[in-house]
Amino acid sequence: MKAPRGPRPLRSILYFAGDQPDDVAGAEQFGSDAIMIDLEEPREPFPDDLRRQAGQWVGEYLRSLPPPAPDRPLYFCRIRG
């Protein structure tokens, strides 16, 4: 059995606007190590009602993904505090 090597390096991170479901859903095809979904300010202006809708969709999408695996990217969300 191999000893754990620790966290894998993140060599590439792709950013996607959180209000673009088709773009986010297709993000894994690019082969990056991580995917950043921007819900803070994906475009200007970004009204709060759209931010809430995008946040709901992103939450549903992330919950629908299979468990993390070494051959899949890590997902991160950039949010407004």
Protein backbone atom coordinates (compact mmCIF):
# COMPACT_ATOMS: atom_id res chain seq x y z
CA MET A 1 0.00 0.00 0.00
CA LYS A 2 1.32 3.43 -0.95
CA ALA A 3 1.78 6.06 1.71
CA PRO A 4 -0.45 9.14 1.32
CA ARG A 5 1.33 11.93 -0.54
CA GLY A 6 -0.64 14.83 0.92
CA PRO A 7 -2.77 17.33 -0.95
CA ARG A 8 -2.36 17.39 -4.70
CA PRO A 9 -0.99 20.56 -6.28
CA LEU A 10 -3.35 22.92 -8.05
CA ARG A 11 -1.58 23.74 -11.29
CA SER A 12 -4.57 25.19 -13.11
CA ILE A 13 -7.74 26.89 -11.89
CA LEU A 14 -10.48 27.93 -14.30
CA TYR A 15 -12.94 30.66 -13.32
CA PHE A 16 -16.59 30.55 -14.38
CA ALA A 17 -19.42 33.00 -13.78
CA GLY A 18 -21.89 31.44 -11.35
CA ASP A 19 -24.87 32.73 -13.31
CA GLN A 20 -23.95 30.75 -16.43
CA PRO A 21 -25.17 27.18 -15.74
CA ASP A 22 -24.15 25.78 -19.12
CA ASP A 23 -20.59 27.05 -18.74
CA VAL A 24 -20.26 25.69 -15.20
CA ALA A 25 -21.78 22.33 -16.13
CA GLY A 26 -19.24 21.92 -18.96
CA ALA A 27 -16.24 23.07 -16.93
CA GLU A 28 -14.76 19.62 -16.27
CA GLN A 29 -14.13 19.02 -19.97
CA PHE A 30 -11.14 21.39 -19.91
CA GLY A 31 -9.06 19.18 -17.59
CA SER A 32 -8.09 21.78 -14.98
CA ASP A 33 -7.12 20.85 -11.43
CA ALA A 34 -9.75 23.16 -9.93
CA ILE A 35 -12.84 25.10 -10.91
CA MET A 36 -13.71 28.43 -9.27
CA ILE A 37 -17.35 29.48 -9.54
CA ASP A 38 -17.73 33.23 -9.09
CA LEU A 39 -20.87 34.28 -7.24
CA GLU A 40 -19.42 37.50 -5.81
CA GLU A 41 -19.30 39.64 -8.93
CA PRO A 42 -19.32 37.60 -12.14
CA ARG A 43 -20.36 40.72 -14.06
CA GLU A 44 -21.19 44.33 -13.34
CA PRO A 45 -23.90 45.08 -12.38
CA PHE A 46 -24.96 41.87 -10.66
CA PRO A 47 -28.20 42.51 -8.72
CA ASP A 48 -28.84 40.68 -5.48
CA ASP A 49 -31.87 38.81 -6.87
CA LEU A 50 -29.70 37.30 -9.64
CA ARG A 51 -27.00 36.53 -7.07
CA ARG A 52 -29.53 34.57 -4.98
CA GLN A 53 -30.80 32.65 -8.02
CA ALA A 54 -27.26 31.83 -9.11
CA GLY A 55 -26.36 30.74 -5.58
CA GLN A 56 -29.32 28.38 -5.45
CA TRP A 57 -28.45 26.86 -8.80
CA VAL A 58 -24.74 26.48 -7.92
CA GLY A 59 -25.65 24.83 -4.60
CA GLU A 60 -27.90 22.32 -6.36
CA TYR A 61 -25.24 21.65 -8.99
CA LEU A 62 -22.45 21.07 -6.45
CA ARG A 63 -24.66 18.72 -4.41
CA SER A 64 -25.37 16.72 -7.58
CA LEU A 65 -21.68 16.03 -8.32
CA PRO A 66 -20.12 12.66 -7.51
CA PRO A 67 -17.72 12.49 -4.54
CA PRO A 68 -14.25 14.03 -5.02
CA ALA A 69 -11.74 11.80 -6.77
CA PRO A 70 -8.11 12.20 -7.87
CA ASP A 71 -9.12 12.33 -11.54
CA ARG A 72 -11.74 15.08 -11.04
CA PRO A 73 -11.22 18.79 -10.39
CA LEU A 74 -11.77 20.40 -7.01
CA TYR A 75 -14.57 22.97 -6.85
CA PHE A 76 -14.41 26.34 -5.09
CA CYS A 77 -16.92 29.19 -4.91
CA ARG A 78 -16.08 32.87 -4.62
CA ILE A 79 -18.93 34.47 -2.65
CA ARG A 80 -19.83 37.82 -1.23
CA GLY A 81 -19.71 38.02 2.56
